[in-house]
């Protein structure tokens, strides 16, 4: 019997309330395989690059040409009166 918050419960009632630990499934990978995977992960982590990288050169070129007002694209042509309200 277990005492939980002043109430006594049998092990049978605890198994239905979800308070008992369920057996863990067997590890599908052998230890050597896992160590190899962890080693590859650590090596790849060392070579990560967090620099700004332009992935679409044509989009960048088009964005550089377009007219902007306060950082937003606007229609080309007449003078544009930017009034956010």
Foldseek 3Di string as FASTA:
>chain_A
DDADPNDDDDVVVCVVVVNDDDDDDDDPDDPVVVVVVVVVVVVVVVPDDPDDDDDDVVVVVVVVPADDDPRHGDDPDDDDDDDPD
